[in-house]
Amino acid sequence: MTVVWVVVGAFVVVAGAAWAAVARRGRRVDVADDPAAGREARGRQHRYEAERHGDQGDTWQRGRESSG
């Protein structure tokens, strides 16, 4: 009978943790979070990715010209 209670207890703990994770994920964003800061961060990330993509293209072109 002890094994049954241990299994049931473990199931309750796992189910509670899963429920808490789902409940936290669905929580609304805090009012203190600034949407403008998020937009700025995304814009900065896009610029970084564009510059990196351009740098990689230049490297590929230099390698292509030197091997021909």
N, C-alpha and C. Protein backbone atom coordinates (compact mmCIF):
# COMPACT_ATOMS: atom_id res chain seq x y z
N MET A 1 0.81 -1.19 0.00
CA MET A 1 0.00 0.00 0.00
C MET A 1 0.87 1.27 0.00
N THR A 2 2.03 1.18 0.61
CA THR A 2 2.93 2.32 0.65
C THR A 2 3.40 2.70 -0.76
N VAL A 3 3.64 1.69 -1.59
CA VAL A 3 4.09 1.94 -2.96
C VAL A 3 3.02 2.70 -3.72
N VAL A 4 1.77 2.34 -3.52
CA VAL A 4 0.67 3.03 -4.19
C VAL A 4 0.65 4.50 -3.80
N TRP A 5 0.81 4.81 -2.51
CA TRP A 5 0.80 6.20 -2.08
C TRP A 5 2.00 6.98 -2.61
N VAL A 6 3.14 6.32 -2.72
CA VAL A 6 4.32 6.98 -3.28
C VAL A 6 4.09 7.31 -4.75
N VAL A 7 3.52 6.37 -5.48
CA VAL A 7 3.23 6.60 -6.90
C VAL A 7 2.20 7.72 -7.06
N VAL A 8 1.15 7.68 -6.27
CA VAL A 8 0.12 8.72 -6.33
C VAL A 8 0.72 10.09 -5.97
N GLY A 9 1.55 10.12 -4.94
CA GLY A 9 2.20 11.37 -4.54
C GLY A 9 3.10 11.91 -5.64
N ALA A 10 3.87 11.04 -6.28
CA ALA A 10 4.73 11.48 -7.38
C ALA A 10 3.90 12.01 -8.53
N PHE A 11 2.79 11.34 -8.83
CA PHE A 11 1.91 11.80 -9.90
C PHE A 11 1.35 13.19 -9.58
N VAL A 12 0.95 13.41 -8.35
CA VAL A 12 0.40 14.70 -7.95
C VAL A 12 1.46 15.80 -8.07
N VAL A 13 2.68 15.50 -7.67
CA VAL A 13 3.76 16.48 -7.76
C VAL A 13 4.03 16.83 -9.22
N VAL A 14 4.12 15.83 -10.09
CA VAL A 14 4.39 16.08 -11.51
C VAL A 14 3.23 16.85 -12.14
N ALA A 15 2.00 16.45 -11.84
CA ALA A 15 0.84 17.16 -12.39
C ALA A 15 0.79 18.60 -11.90
N GLY A 16 1.11 18.83 -10.65
CA GLY A 16 1.13 20.19 -10.12
C GLY A 16 2.20 21.05 -10.78
N ALA A 17 3.36 20.48 -11.01
CA ALA A 17 4.43 21.22 -11.68
C ALA A 17 4.04 21.56 -13.12
N ALA A 18 3.41 20.61 -13.82
CA ALA A 18 2.98 20.86 -15.19
C ALA A 18 1.91 21.94 -15.21
N TRP A 19 0.96 21.87 -14.27
CA TRP A 19 -0.09 22.88 -14.22
C TRP A 19 0.49 24.26 -13.94
N ALA A 20 1.46 24.34 -13.04
CA ALA A 20 2.09 25.62 -12.71
C ALA A 20 2.84 26.19 -13.91
N ALA A 21 3.51 25.33 -14.67
CA ALA A 21 4.23 25.79 -15.86
C ALA A 21 3.27 26.34 -16.90
N VAL A 22 2.16 25.67 -17.10
CA VAL A 22 1.17 26.14 -18.08
C VAL A 22 0.54 27.44 -17.58
N ALA A 23 0.25 27.52 -16.31
CA ALA A 23 -0.37 28.74 -15.76
C ALA A 23 0.58 29.93 -15.87
N ARG A 24 1.86 29.71 -15.63
CA ARG A 24 2.82 30.82 -15.76
C ARG A 24 2.97 31.27 -17.19
N ARG A 25 2.95 30.33 -18.13
CA ARG A 25 3.14 30.68 -19.54
C ARG A 25 2.00 31.55 -20.04
N GLY A 26 0.78 31.30 -19.57
CA GLY A 26 -0.37 32.04 -20.03
C GLY A 26 -0.57 33.37 -19.34
N ARG A 27 0.30 33.70 -18.40
CA ARG A 27 0.16 34.96 -17.65
C ARG A 27 0.41 36.15 -18.55
N ARG A 28 -0.33 37.21 -18.34
CA ARG A 28 -0.18 38.41 -19.14
C ARG A 28 1.13 39.13 -18.80
N VAL A 29 1.59 39.93 -19.74
CA VAL A 29 2.84 40.68 -19.56
C VAL A 29 2.62 41.76 -18.52
N ASP A 30 3.61 42.00 -17.71
CA ASP A 30 3.54 43.02 -16.68
C ASP A 30 3.43 44.40 -17.32
N VAL A 31 2.73 45.30 -16.66
CA VAL A 31 2.57 46.66 -17.16
C VAL A 31 3.92 47.37 -17.16
N ALA A 32 4.81 46.98 -16.27
CA ALA A 32 6.12 47.63 -16.18
C ALA A 32 7.00 47.33 -17.39
N ASP A 33 6.72 46.25 -18.12
CA ASP A 33 7.52 45.93 -19.30
C ASP A 33 7.23 46.95 -20.39
N ASP A 34 8.27 47.46 -21.00
CA ASP A 34 8.14 48.51 -21.99
C ASP A 34 8.12 47.90 -23.39
N PRO A 35 7.01 48.02 -24.13
CA PRO A 35 6.97 47.45 -25.48
C PRO A 35 7.97 48.12 -26.42
N ALA A 36 8.27 49.40 -26.19
CA ALA A 36 9.25 50.09 -27.04
C ALA A 36 10.63 49.47 -26.88
N ALA A 37 10.96 49.06 -25.67
CA ALA A 37 12.26 48.42 -25.44
C ALA A 37 12.35 47.10 -26.19
N GLY A 38 11.26 46.36 -26.22
CA GLY A 38 11.24 45.11 -26.98
C GLY A 38 11.42 45.35 -28.47
N ARG A 39 10.74 46.37 -28.98
CA ARG A 39 10.90 46.70 -30.42
C ARG A 39 12.33 47.12 -30.72
N GLU A 40 12.91 47.90 -29.82
CA GLU A 40 14.29 48.34 -30.03
C GLU A 40 15.25 47.15 -30.02
N ALA A 41 15.04 46.23 -29.11
CA ALA A 41 15.91 45.05 -29.03
C ALA A 41 15.77 44.20 -30.28
N ARG A 42 14.53 44.02 -30.76
CA ARG A 42 14.34 43.23 -31.99
C ARG A 42 14.99 43.92 -33.18
N GLY A 43 14.87 45.24 -33.27
CA GLY A 43 15.50 45.98 -34.36
C GLY A 43 17.01 45.85 -34.33
N ARG A 44 17.57 45.95 -33.11
CA ARG A 44 19.02 45.79 -32.96
C ARG A 44 19.46 44.40 -33.40
N GLN A 45 18.67 43.38 -33.05
CA GLN A 45 19.00 42.01 -33.43
C GLN A 45 18.95 41.84 -34.95
N HIS A 46 17.94 42.44 -35.59
CA HIS A 46 17.83 42.34 -37.04
C HIS A 46 19.00 43.03 -37.74
N ARG A 47 19.41 44.19 -37.22
CA ARG A 47 20.56 44.88 -37.82
C ARG A 47 21.82 44.04 -37.68
N TYR A 48 22.01 43.44 -36.51
CA TYR A 48 23.18 42.59 -36.29
C TYR A 48 23.19 41.42 -37.26
N GLU A 49 22.02 40.79 -37.42
CA GLU A 49 21.94 39.64 -38.33
C GLU A 49 22.19 40.06 -39.77
N ALA A 50 21.68 41.23 -40.16
CA ALA A 50 21.89 41.70 -41.53
C ALA A 50 23.37 42.00 -41.77
N GLU A 51 24.01 42.65 -40.81
CA GLU A 51 25.44 42.93 -40.97
C GLU A 51 26.25 41.63 -41.03
N ARG A 52 25.91 40.69 -40.20
CA ARG A 52 26.63 39.42 -40.20
C ARG A 52 26.42 38.68 -41.51
N HIS A 53 25.20 38.71 -42.01
CA HIS A 53 24.90 38.06 -43.29
C HIS A 53 25.72 38.71 -44.40
N GLY A 54 25.81 40.04 -44.37
CA GLY A 54 26.62 40.74 -45.38
C GLY A 54 28.08 40.39 -45.27
N ASP A 55 28.60 40.31 -44.06
CA ASP A 55 30.01 39.95 -43.86
C ASP A 55 30.28 38.54 -44.38
N GLN A 56 29.37 37.62 -44.14
CA GLN A 56 29.56 36.26 -44.63
C GLN A 56 29.53 36.22 -46.15
N GLY A 57 28.67 37.04 -46.76
CA GLY A 57 28.62 37.09 -48.21
C GLY A 57 29.92 37.63 -48.80
N ASP A 58 30.50 38.67 -48.15
CA ASP A 58 31.77 39.21 -48.61
C ASP A 58 32.87 38.18 -48.50
N THR A 59 32.90 37.42 -47.44
CA THR A 59 33.91 36.38 -47.27
C THR A 59 33.77 35.33 -48.35
N TRP A 60 32.56 34.94 -48.66
CA TRP A 60 32.32 33.93 -49.69
C TRP A 60 32.77 34.45 -51.05
N GLN A 61 32.47 35.72 -51.35
CA GLN A 61 32.87 36.30 -52.64
C GLN A 61 34.39 36.39 -52.76
N ARG A 62 35.07 36.78 -51.67
CA ARG A 62 36.53 36.86 -51.72
C ARG A 62 37.13 35.49 -51.96
N GLY A 63 36.61 34.47 -51.33
CA GLY A 63 37.12 33.12 -51.53
C GLY A 63 36.85 32.64 -52.94
N ARG A 64 35.75 33.01 -53.50
CA ARG A 64 35.39 32.58 -54.86
C ARG A 64 36.30 33.26 -55.89
N GLU A 65 36.61 34.54 -55.68
CA GLU A 65 37.46 35.27 -56.64
C GLU A 65 38.90 34.76 -56.59
N SER A 66 39.39 34.41 -55.42
CA SER A 66 40.80 34.03 -55.30
C SER A 66 41.05 32.60 -55.82
N SER A 67 40.00 31.76 -55.85
CA SER A 67 40.24 30.39 -56.27
C SER A 67 40.12 30.24 -57.80
N GLY A 68 39.62 31.24 -58.49
CA GLY A 68 39.37 31.11 -59.93
C GLY A 68 40.45 31.68 -60.71
